[in-house]
Amino acid sequence: MARLPYVEREHAPEPVQRAYDALQKATGRVLNFYRLMAHLPESLERFLEWYRTTREGGPLDLGLRQLAYVCVAQVNRCTY
């Protein structure tokens, strides 16, 4: 459980609402991680820009990137 309340779309400023809409469209949901980050809208915007760059750019194809995600999750003993 989070120590801060999640920022819900209806209470979020316009830039955060646009980010939520884009996340909803791309993944079908808005993770609570992003709802917490929305307390500082500039942080959310910058993170999403960085994350998009790392997911879509770079020299690795999609299969190798996904393999890297699984390997890191296993090393950290996370369920994936």
C-alpha atoms as a PDB file:
ATOM      1  CA  MET A   1       0.000   0.000   0.000  1.00  0.00           C
ATOM      2  CA  ALA A   2       1.292   3.443  -0.901  1.00  0.00           C
ATOM      3  CA  ARG A   3       2.007   6.044   1.743  1.00  0.00           C
ATOM      4  CA  LEU A   4       0.745   8.763  -0.581  1.00  0.00           C
ATOM      5  CA  PRO A   5      -2.666   8.747  -2.213  1.00  0.00           C
ATOM      6  CA  TYR A   6      -2.755   7.907  -5.903  1.00  0.00           C
ATOM      7  CA  VAL A   7      -3.528  10.821  -8.208  1.00  0.00           C
ATOM      8  CA  GLU A   8      -6.731   9.879  -9.985  1.00  0.00           C
ATOM      9  CA  ARG A   9      -7.391  11.167 -13.483  1.00  0.00           C
ATOM     10  CA  GLU A  10     -10.324  13.376 -12.498  1.00  0.00           C
ATOM     11  CA  HIS A  11      -8.163  15.207  -9.926  1.00  0.00           C
ATOM     12  CA  ALA A  12      -5.056  15.468 -12.104  1.00  0.00           C
ATOM     13  CA  PRO A  13      -3.872  18.534 -14.026  1.00  0.00           C
ATOM     14  CA  GLU A  14      -4.311  18.498 -17.797  1.00  0.00           C
ATOM     15  CA  PRO A  15      -0.752  17.287 -18.649  1.00  0.00           C
ATOM     16  CA  VAL A  16      -1.162  14.325 -16.293  1.00  0.00           C
ATOM     17  CA  GLN A  17      -4.576  13.511 -17.773  1.00  0.00           C
ATOM     18  CA  ARG A  18      -2.999  13.428 -21.240  1.00  0.00           C
ATOM     19  CA  ALA A  19      -0.250  11.127 -19.946  1.00  0.00           C
ATOM     20  CA  TYR A  20      -2.841   8.832 -18.333  1.00  0.00           C
ATOM     21  CA  ASP A  21      -4.819   8.743 -21.583  1.00  0.00           C
ATOM     22  CA  ALA A  22      -1.691   7.817 -23.560  1.00  0.00           C
ATOM     23  CA  LEU A  23      -0.803   5.079 -21.064  1.00  0.00           C
ATOM     24  CA  GLN A  24      -4.356   3.741 -21.123  1.00  0.00           C
ATOM     25  CA  LYS A  25      -4.326   3.665 -24.920  1.00  0.00           C
ATOM     26  CA  ALA A  26      -0.882   2.034 -25.146  1.00  0.00           C
ATOM     27  CA  THR A  27      -1.164  -0.569 -22.377  1.00  0.00           C
ATOM     28  CA  GLY A  28      -4.825  -0.706 -21.408  1.00  0.00           C
ATOM     29  CA  ARG A  29      -4.120   0.554 -17.879  1.00  0.00           C
ATOM     30  CA  VAL A  30      -2.373   3.173 -15.761  1.00  0.00           C
ATOM     31  CA  LEU A  31      -0.114   1.565 -13.181  1.00  0.00           C
ATOM     32  CA  ASN A  32      -0.148   2.873  -9.614  1.00  0.00           C
ATOM     33  CA  PHE A  33       3.542   3.681 -10.079  1.00  0.00           C
ATOM     34  CA  TYR A  34       2.521   6.410 -12.543  1.00  0.00           C
ATOM     35  CA  ARG A  35      -0.338   7.564 -10.302  1.00  0.00           C
ATOM     36  CA  LEU A  36       2.188   8.197  -7.536  1.00  0.00           C
ATOM     37  CA  MET A  37       4.628   9.913  -9.881  1.00  0.00           C
ATOM     38  CA  ALA A  38       1.825  12.263 -10.902  1.00  0.00           C
ATOM     39  CA  HIS A  39       2.250  14.180  -7.637  1.00  0.00           C
ATOM     40  CA  LEU A  40       5.110  15.858  -9.500  1.00  0.00           C
ATOM     41  CA  PRO A  41       3.810  16.168 -13.081  1.00  0.00           C
ATOM     42  CA  GLU A  42       7.172  17.279 -14.478  1.00  0.00           C
ATOM     43  CA  SER A  43       8.741  14.102 -13.129  1.00  0.00           C
ATOM     44  CA  LEU A  44       6.077  11.906 -14.708  1.00  0.00           C
ATOM     45  CA  GLU A  45       6.463  13.618 -18.075  1.00  0.00           C
ATOM     46  CA  ARG A  46      10.268  13.282 -18.055  1.00  0.00           C
ATOM     47  CA  PHE A  47      10.137   9.676 -16.915  1.00  0.00           C
ATOM     48  CA  LEU A  48       7.672   8.701 -19.642  1.00  0.00           C
ATOM     49  CA  GLU A  49       9.847  10.403 -22.258  1.00  0.00           C
ATOM     50  CA  TRP A  50      12.947   8.567 -21.001  1.00  0.00           C
ATOM     51  CA  TYR A  51      11.111   5.256 -20.741  1.00  0.00           C
ATOM     52  CA  ARG A  52       9.731   5.547 -24.272  1.00  0.00           C
ATOM     53  CA  THR A  53      13.248   6.219 -25.547  1.00  0.00           C
ATOM     54  CA  THR A  54      14.689   3.155 -23.821  1.00  0.00           C
ATOM     55  CA  ARG A  55      11.816   0.914 -24.932  1.00  0.00           C
ATOM     56  CA  GLU A  56      11.645   2.041 -28.544  1.00  0.00           C
ATOM     57  CA  GLY A  57      15.198   3.063 -29.309  1.00  0.00           C
ATOM     58  CA  GLY A  58      18.590   1.491 -29.130  1.00  0.00           C
ATOM     59  CA  PRO A  59      20.398  -1.209 -31.061  1.00  0.00           C
ATOM     60  CA  LEU A  60      18.579  -4.238 -29.592  1.00  0.00           C
ATOM     61  CA  ASP A  61      15.563  -5.727 -31.272  1.00  0.00           C
ATOM     62  CA  LEU A  62      12.382  -6.332 -29.282  1.00  0.00           C
ATOM     63  CA  GLY A  63      13.155  -9.988 -28.541  1.00  0.00           C
ATOM     64  CA  LEU A  64      16.559  -9.210 -27.033  1.00  0.00           C
ATOM     65  CA  ARG A  65      15.153  -6.350 -24.952  1.00  0.00           C
ATOM     66  CA  GLN A  66      12.452  -8.617 -23.561  1.00  0.00           C
ATOM     67  CA  LEU A  67      15.040 -11.309 -22.807  1.00  0.00           C
ATOM     68  CA  ALA A  68      17.063  -8.704 -20.909  1.00  0.00           C
ATOM     69  CA  TYR A  69      13.970  -7.755 -18.866  1.00  0.00           C
ATOM     70  CA  VAL A  70      13.380 -11.399 -17.927  1.00  0.00           C
ATOM     71  CA  CYS A  71      17.051 -11.966 -17.030  1.00  0.00           C
ATOM     72  CA  VAL A  72      17.157  -8.898 -14.797  1.00  0.00           C
ATOM     73  CA  ALA A  73      13.917  -9.960 -13.127  1.00  0.00           C
ATOM     74  CA  GLN A  74      15.372 -13.420 -12.432  1.00  0.00           C
ATOM     75  CA  VAL A  75      18.614 -11.988 -11.033  1.00  0.00           C
ATOM     76  CA  ASN A  76      16.542  -9.768  -8.726  1.00  0.00           C
ATOM     77  CA  ARG A  77      14.257 -12.708  -7.848  1.00  0.00           C
ATOM     78  CA  CYS A  78      11.208 -10.883  -9.146  1.00  0.00           C
ATOM     79  CA  THR A  79       8.270 -12.643 -10.700  1.00  0.00           C
ATOM     80  CA  TYR A  80       7.811 -11.609 -14.284  1.00  0.00           C
END
